[in-house]
Every structure is written in C-alpha cells, then in structure tokens.
PDB file of N, CA and C in Angstrom:
ATOM      1  N   MET A   1       0.824  -1.172   0.000  1.00  0.00           N
ATOM      2  CA  MET A   1       0.000   0.000   0.000  1.00  0.00           C
ATOM      3  C   MET A   1       0.878   1.248   0.000  1.00  0.00           C
ATOM      4  N   GLU A   2       0.383   2.291  -0.671  1.00  0.00           N
ATOM      5  CA  GLU A   2       1.103   3.544  -0.715  1.00  0.00           C
ATOM      6  C   GLU A   2       1.118   4.219   0.642  1.00  0.00           C
ATOM      7  N   LYS A   3       2.113   5.046   0.843  1.00  0.00           N
ATOM      8  CA  LYS A   3       2.174   5.860   2.055  1.00  0.00           C
ATOM      9  C   LYS A   3       1.092   6.934   1.958  1.00  0.00           C
ATOM     10  N   ILE A   4       0.376   7.144   3.027  1.00  0.00           N
ATOM     11  CA  ILE A   4      -0.674   8.151   3.076  1.00  0.00           C
ATOM     12  C   ILE A   4      -0.018   9.507   3.287  1.00  0.00           C
ATOM     13  N   ALA A   5      -0.356  10.484   2.428  1.00  0.00           N
ATOM     14  CA  ALA A   5       0.270  11.793   2.511  1.00  0.00           C
ATOM     15  C   ALA A   5      -0.724  12.901   2.162  1.00  0.00           C
ATOM     16  N   VAL A   6      -0.460  14.076   2.688  1.00  0.00           N
ATOM     17  CA  VAL A   6      -1.267  15.250   2.364  1.00  0.00           C
ATOM     18  C   VAL A   6      -1.197  15.490   0.858  1.00  0.00           C
ATOM     19  N   GLY A   7      -2.333  15.830   0.282  1.00  0.00           N
ATOM     20  CA  GLY A   7      -2.408  16.103  -1.153  1.00  0.00           C
ATOM     21  C   GLY A   7      -2.898  14.929  -1.973  1.00  0.00           C
ATOM     22  N   MET A   8      -2.921  13.742  -1.371  1.00  0.00           N
ATOM     23  CA  MET A   8      -3.401  12.569  -2.103  1.00  0.00           C
ATOM     24  C   MET A   8      -4.909  12.651  -2.313  1.00  0.00           C
ATOM     25  N   THR A   9      -5.348  12.098  -3.432  1.00  0.00           N
ATOM     26  CA  THR A   9      -6.775  11.962  -3.699  1.00  0.00           C
ATOM     27  C   THR A   9      -7.194  10.563  -3.284  1.00  0.00           C
ATOM     28  N   ILE A  10      -8.328  10.472  -2.601  1.00  0.00           N
ATOM     29  CA  ILE A  10      -8.854   9.169  -2.195  1.00  0.00           C
ATOM     30  C   ILE A  10     -10.253   9.008  -2.771  1.00  0.00           C
ATOM     31  N   LYS A  11     -10.625   7.768  -3.030  1.00  0.00           N
ATOM     32  CA  LYS A  11     -11.927   7.464  -3.617  1.00  0.00           C
ATOM     33  C   LYS A  11     -12.644   6.465  -2.715  1.00  0.00           C
ATOM     34  N   LEU A  12     -13.867   6.794  -2.343  1.00  0.00           N
ATOM     35  CA  LEU A  12     -14.663   5.919  -1.484  1.00  0.00           C
ATOM     36  C   LEU A  12     -15.080   4.676  -2.276  1.00  0.00           C
ATOM     37  N   VAL A  13     -14.706   3.494  -1.774  1.00  0.00           N
ATOM     38  CA  VAL A  13     -15.028   2.249  -2.473  1.00  0.00           C
ATOM     39  C   VAL A  13     -16.004   1.365  -1.694  1.00  0.00           C
ATOM     40  N   LYS A  14     -16.320   1.775  -0.462  1.00  0.00           N
ATOM     41  CA  LYS A  14     -17.217   0.990   0.384  1.00  0.00           C
ATOM     42  C   LYS A  14     -17.956   1.958   1.302  1.00  0.00           C
ATOM     43  N   ASP A  15     -19.276   1.820   1.416  1.00  0.00           N
ATOM     44  CA  ASP A  15     -20.064   2.722   2.245  1.00  0.00           C
ATOM     45  C   ASP A  15     -19.657   2.593   3.711  1.00  0.00           C
ATOM     46  N   TYR A  16     -19.472   3.722   4.376  1.00  0.00           N
ATOM     47  CA  TYR A  16     -19.107   3.680   5.801  1.00  0.00           C
ATOM     48  C   TYR A  16     -20.195   4.242   6.708  1.00  0.00           C
ATOM     49  N   ASP A  17     -21.016   5.171   6.244  1.00  0.00           N
ATOM     50  CA  ASP A  17     -22.097   5.679   7.090  1.00  0.00           C
ATOM     51  C   ASP A  17     -23.286   6.226   6.304  1.00  0.00           C
ATOM     52  N   GLY A  18     -23.267   6.078   4.990  1.00  0.00           N
ATOM     53  CA  GLY A  18     -24.385   6.516   4.162  1.00  0.00           C
ATOM     54  C   GLY A  18     -24.392   7.989   3.817  1.00  0.00           C
ATOM     55  N   SER A  19     -23.421   8.760   4.307  1.00  0.00           N
ATOM     56  CA  SER A  19     -23.431  10.195   4.049  1.00  0.00           C
ATOM     57  C   SER A  19     -22.889  10.571   2.665  1.00  0.00           C
ATOM     58  N   LYS A  20     -22.068   9.724   2.082  1.00  0.00           N
ATOM     59  CA  LYS A  20     -21.494   9.968   0.757  1.00  0.00           C
ATOM     60  C   LYS A  20     -21.662   8.714  -0.088  1.00  0.00           C
ATOM     61  N   PRO A  21     -21.982   8.886  -1.374  1.00  0.00           N
ATOM     62  CA  PRO A  21     -22.113   7.708  -2.232  1.00  0.00           C
ATOM     63  C   PRO A  21     -20.753   7.095  -2.568  1.00  0.00           C
ATOM     64  N   VAL A  22     -20.742   5.788  -2.763  1.00  0.00           N
ATOM     65  CA  VAL A  22     -19.529   5.099  -3.200  1.00  0.00           C
ATOM     66  C   VAL A  22     -19.097   5.744  -4.513  1.00  0.00           C
ATOM     67  N   GLY A  23     -17.804   5.981  -4.653  1.00  0.00           N
ATOM     68  CA  GLY A  23     -17.260   6.657  -5.822  1.00  0.00           C
ATOM     69  C   GLY A  23     -16.914   8.109  -5.555  1.00  0.00           C
ATOM     70  N   SER A  24     -17.360   8.649  -4.422  1.00  0.00           N
ATOM     71  CA  SER A  24     -17.027  10.025  -4.060  1.00  0.00           C
ATOM     72  C   SER A  24     -15.524  10.147  -3.854  1.00  0.00           C
ATOM     73  N   THR A  25     -14.983  11.317  -4.175  1.00  0.00           N
ATOM     74  CA  THR A  25     -13.550  11.537  -4.010  1.00  0.00           C
ATOM     75  C   THR A  25     -13.295  12.683  -3.031  1.00  0.00           C
ATOM     76  N   ALA A  26     -12.111  12.636  -2.442  1.00  0.00           N
ATOM     77  CA  ALA A  26     -11.694  13.661  -1.488  1.00  0.00           C
ATOM     78  C   ALA A  26     -10.184  13.817  -1.578  1.00  0.00           C
ATOM     79  N   THR A  27      -9.705  14.929  -1.059  1.00  0.00           N
ATOM     80  CA  THR A  27      -8.274  15.195  -0.999  1.00  0.00           C
ATOM     81  C   THR A  27      -7.847  15.264   0.467  1.00  0.00           C
ATOM     82  N   ILE A  28      -6.762  14.586   0.794  1.00  0.00           N
ATOM     83  CA  ILE A  28      -6.231  14.634   2.153  1.00  0.00           C
ATOM     84  C   ILE A  28      -5.592  16.003   2.362  1.00  0.00           C
ATOM     85  N   VAL A  29      -6.057  16.724   3.392  1.00  0.00           N
ATOM     86  CA  VAL A  29      -5.558  18.077   3.629  1.00  0.00           C
ATOM     87  C   VAL A  29      -4.708  18.196   4.890  1.00  0.00           C
ATOM     88  N   TYR A  30      -4.824  17.241   5.807  1.00  0.00           N
ATOM     89  CA  TYR A  30      -4.076  17.350   7.061  1.00  0.00           C
ATOM     90  C   TYR A  30      -4.038  15.995   7.749  1.00  0.00           C
ATOM     91  N   ILE A  31      -2.913  15.691   8.382  1.00  0.00           N
ATOM     92  CA  ILE A  31      -2.785  14.493   9.219  1.00  0.00           C
ATOM     93  C   ILE A  31      -2.238  14.975  10.555  1.00  0.00           C
ATOM     94  N   ASP A  32      -3.007  14.756  11.633  1.00  0.00           N
ATOM     95  CA  ASP A  32      -2.580  15.289  12.930  1.00  0.00           C
ATOM     96  C   ASP A  32      -1.623  14.345  13.652  1.00  0.00           C
ATOM     97  N   ASP A  33      -1.197  14.757  14.836  1.00  0.00           N
ATOM     98  CA  ASP A  33      -0.230  13.984  15.620  1.00  0.00           C
ATOM     99  C   ASP A  33      -0.781  12.653  16.119  1.00  0.00           C
ATOM    100  N   PHE A  34      -2.096  12.483  16.056  1.00  0.00           N
ATOM    101  CA  PHE A  34      -2.739  11.246  16.490  1.00  0.00           C
ATOM    102  C   PHE A  34      -3.134  10.375  15.304  1.00  0.00           C
ATOM    103  N   ASP A  35      -2.572  10.677  14.117  1.00  0.00           N
ATOM    104  CA  ASP A  35      -2.832   9.947  12.869  1.00  0.00           C
ATOM    105  C   ASP A  35      -4.291  10.012  12.440  1.00  0.00           C
ATOM    106  N   GLN A  36      -4.974  11.086  12.807  1.00  0.00           N
ATOM    107  CA  GLN A  36      -6.313  11.341  12.276  1.00  0.00           C
ATOM    108  C   GLN A  36      -6.124  12.062  10.946  1.00  0.00           C
ATOM    109  N   ILE A  37      -6.854  11.628   9.932  1.00  0.00           N
ATOM    110  CA  ILE A  37      -6.680  12.141   8.582  1.00  0.00           C
ATOM    111  C   ILE A  37      -7.887  13.002   8.231  1.00  0.00           C
ATOM    112  N   PHE A  38      -7.641  14.248   7.887  1.00  0.00           N
ATOM    113  CA  PHE A  38      -8.691  15.198   7.553  1.00  0.00           C
ATOM    114  C   PHE A  38      -8.745  15.359   6.034  1.00  0.00           C
ATOM    115  N   VAL A  39      -9.965  15.330   5.486  1.00  0.00           N
ATOM    116  CA  VAL A  39     -10.132  15.409   4.041  1.00  0.00           C
ATOM    117  C   VAL A  39     -11.154  16.479   3.677  1.00  0.00           C
ATOM    118  N   ASP A  40     -11.012  17.006   2.460  1.00  0.00           N
ATOM    119  CA  ASP A  40     -12.007  17.872   1.848  1.00  0.00           C
ATOM    120  C   ASP A  40     -12.663  17.071   0.729  1.00  0.00           C
ATOM    121  N   TRP A  41     -13.974  16.893   0.810  1.00  0.00           N
ATOM    122  CA  TRP A  41     -14.706  16.187  -0.240  1.00  0.00           C
ATOM    123  C   TRP A  41     -14.767  17.049  -1.491  1.00  0.00           C
ATOM    124  N   SER A  42     -14.701  16.422  -2.661  1.00  0.00           N
ATOM    125  CA  SER A  42     -14.714  17.172  -3.917  1.00  0.00           C
ATOM    126  C   SER A  42     -16.045  17.889  -4.145  1.00  0.00           C
ATOM    127  N   ASP A  43     -17.128  17.382  -3.555  1.00  0.00           N
ATOM    128  CA  ASP A  43     -18.439  18.025  -3.713  1.00  0.00           C
ATOM    129  C   ASP A  43     -18.791  18.923  -2.531  1.00  0.00           C
ATOM    130  N   GLY A  44     -17.800  19.214  -1.705  1.00  0.00           N
ATOM    131  CA  GLY A  44     -17.986  20.114  -0.567  1.00  0.00           C
ATOM    132  C   GLY A  44     -18.039  19.374   0.751  1.00  0.00           C
ATOM    133  N   GLY A  45     -17.593  20.026   1.774  1.00  0.00           N
ATOM    134  CA  GLY A  45     -17.605  19.445   3.109  1.00  0.00           C
ATOM    135  C   GLY A  45     -16.269  18.848   3.483  1.00  0.00           C
ATOM    136  N   GLN A  46     -16.169  18.535   4.763  1.00  0.00           N
ATOM    137  CA  GLN A  46     -14.944  17.964   5.299  1.00  0.00           C
ATOM    138  C   GLN A  46     -15.281  16.749   6.143  1.00  0.00           C
ATOM    139  N   ALA A  47     -14.277  15.920   6.383  1.00  0.00           N
ATOM    140  CA  ALA A  47     -14.464  14.728   7.215  1.00  0.00           C
ATOM    141  C   ALA A  47     -13.122  14.355   7.837  1.00  0.00           C
ATOM    142  N   LYS A  48     -13.200  13.492   8.841  1.00  0.00           N
ATOM    143  CA  LYS A  48     -12.004  13.017   9.546  1.00  0.00           C
ATOM    144  C   LYS A  48     -12.088  11.501   9.629  1.00  0.00           C
ATOM    145  N   PHE A  49     -10.973  10.830   9.363  1.00  0.00           N
ATOM    146  CA  PHE A  49     -10.916   9.372   9.395  1.00  0.00           C
ATOM    147  C   PHE A  49      -9.638   8.924  10.095  1.00  0.00           C
ATOM    148  N   SER A  50      -9.698   7.726  10.653  1.00  0.00           N
ATOM    149  CA  SER A  50      -8.479   7.111  11.174  1.00  0.00           C
ATOM    150  C   SER A  50      -7.763   6.436   9.999  1.00  0.00           C
ATOM    151  N   GLU A  51      -6.518   6.083  10.197  1.00  0.00           N
ATOM    152  CA  GLU A  51      -5.774   5.383   9.149  1.00  0.00           C
ATOM    153  C   GLU A  51      -6.454   4.058   8.809  1.00  0.00           C
ATOM    154  N   GLU A  52      -6.957   3.357   9.829  1.00  0.00           N
ATOM    155  CA  GLU A  52      -7.652   2.083   9.606  1.00  0.00           C
ATOM    156  C   GLU A  52      -8.888   2.277   8.728  1.00  0.00           C
ATOM    157  N   GLN A  53      -9.672   3.331   8.994  1.00  0.00           N
ATOM    158  CA  GLN A  53     -10.851   3.607   8.170  1.00  0.00           C
ATOM    159  C   GLN A  53     -10.438   3.905   6.736  1.00  0.00           C
ATOM    160  N   LEU A  54      -9.380   4.675   6.565  1.00  0.00           N
ATOM    161  CA  LEU A  54      -8.925   5.018   5.230  1.00  0.00           C
ATOM    162  C   LEU A  54      -8.566   3.756   4.444  1.00  0.00           C
ATOM    163  N   VAL A  55      -7.855   2.864   5.082  1.00  0.00           N
ATOM    164  CA  VAL A  55      -7.450   1.612   4.428  1.00  0.00           C
ATOM    165  C   VAL A  55      -8.666   0.747   4.079  1.00  0.00           C
ATOM    166  N   ASN A  56      -9.654   0.708   4.971  1.00  0.00           N
ATOM    167  CA  ASN A  56     -10.816  -0.167   4.776  1.00  0.00           C
ATOM    168  C   ASN A  56     -11.856   0.367   3.802  1.00  0.00           C
ATOM    169  N   TYR A  57     -11.972   1.672   3.677  1.00  0.00           N
ATOM    170  CA  TYR A  57     -13.077   2.247   2.919  1.00  0.00           C
ATOM    171  C   TYR A  57     -12.675   3.023   1.667  1.00  0.00           C
ATOM    172  N   PHE A  58     -11.384   3.259   1.477  1.00  0.00           N
ATOM    173  CA  PHE A  58     -10.946   4.107   0.368  1.00  0.00           C
ATOM    174  C   PHE A  58      -9.882   3.452  -0.487  1.00  0.00           C
ATOM    175  N   GLU A  59      -9.829   3.933  -1.736  1.00  0.00           N
ATOM    176  CA  GLU A  59      -8.753   3.587  -2.659  1.00  0.00           C
ATOM    177  C   GLU A  59      -7.890   4.845  -2.778  1.00  0.00           C
ATOM    178  N   LEU A  60      -6.597   4.680  -2.667  1.00  0.00           N
ATOM    179  CA  LEU A  60      -5.697   5.821  -2.733  1.00  0.00           C
ATOM    180  C   LEU A  60      -5.165   5.996  -4.152  1.00  0.00           C
ATOM    181  N   SER A  61      -4.985   7.240  -4.547  1.00  0.00           N
ATOM    182  CA  SER A  61      -4.326   7.528  -5.824  1.00  0.00           C
ATOM    183  C   SER A  61      -3.427   8.739  -5.646  1.00  0.00           C
ATOM    184  N   ALA A  62      -2.440   8.846  -6.491  1.00  0.00           N
ATOM    185  CA  ALA A  62      -1.449   9.934  -6.357  1.00  0.00           C
ATOM    186  C   ALA A  62      -2.050  11.282  -6.684  1.00  0.00           C
TER     187      ALA A  62
END
C-alpha cells in the first residue's frame, strides 16, 4: 500500500455511514499527531478518518 500523505486523492469504495455515495472523491488536507486524517470532499464538506478507516473504505491515488 502507498504511504498516506497530504495532497493525495482518495476514492470511497465501500459505504461507511451513508453520508457519501460510493465513488465520491476527497483530498487529504491534514494528518494530525494522532494519525487522524482530515479530508475535503470534492463536492464540498470535510471529514475526519483514522488510518484504519482510510485503508478499509478508500482507494488511494497519487
């Protein structure tokens, strides 16, 4: 698996809470000291995920 880094685009491949449809994309904007990953959704809004959630629910791309 690729290293998770700020600026990466991620694509939702599995529903996690019903708030965004599968296929939605986001950009990683910040990773805090507790490895919480903050993203900006391409259609607006923000979200926070753990590294485990990112691995389980998203596909990473450069």
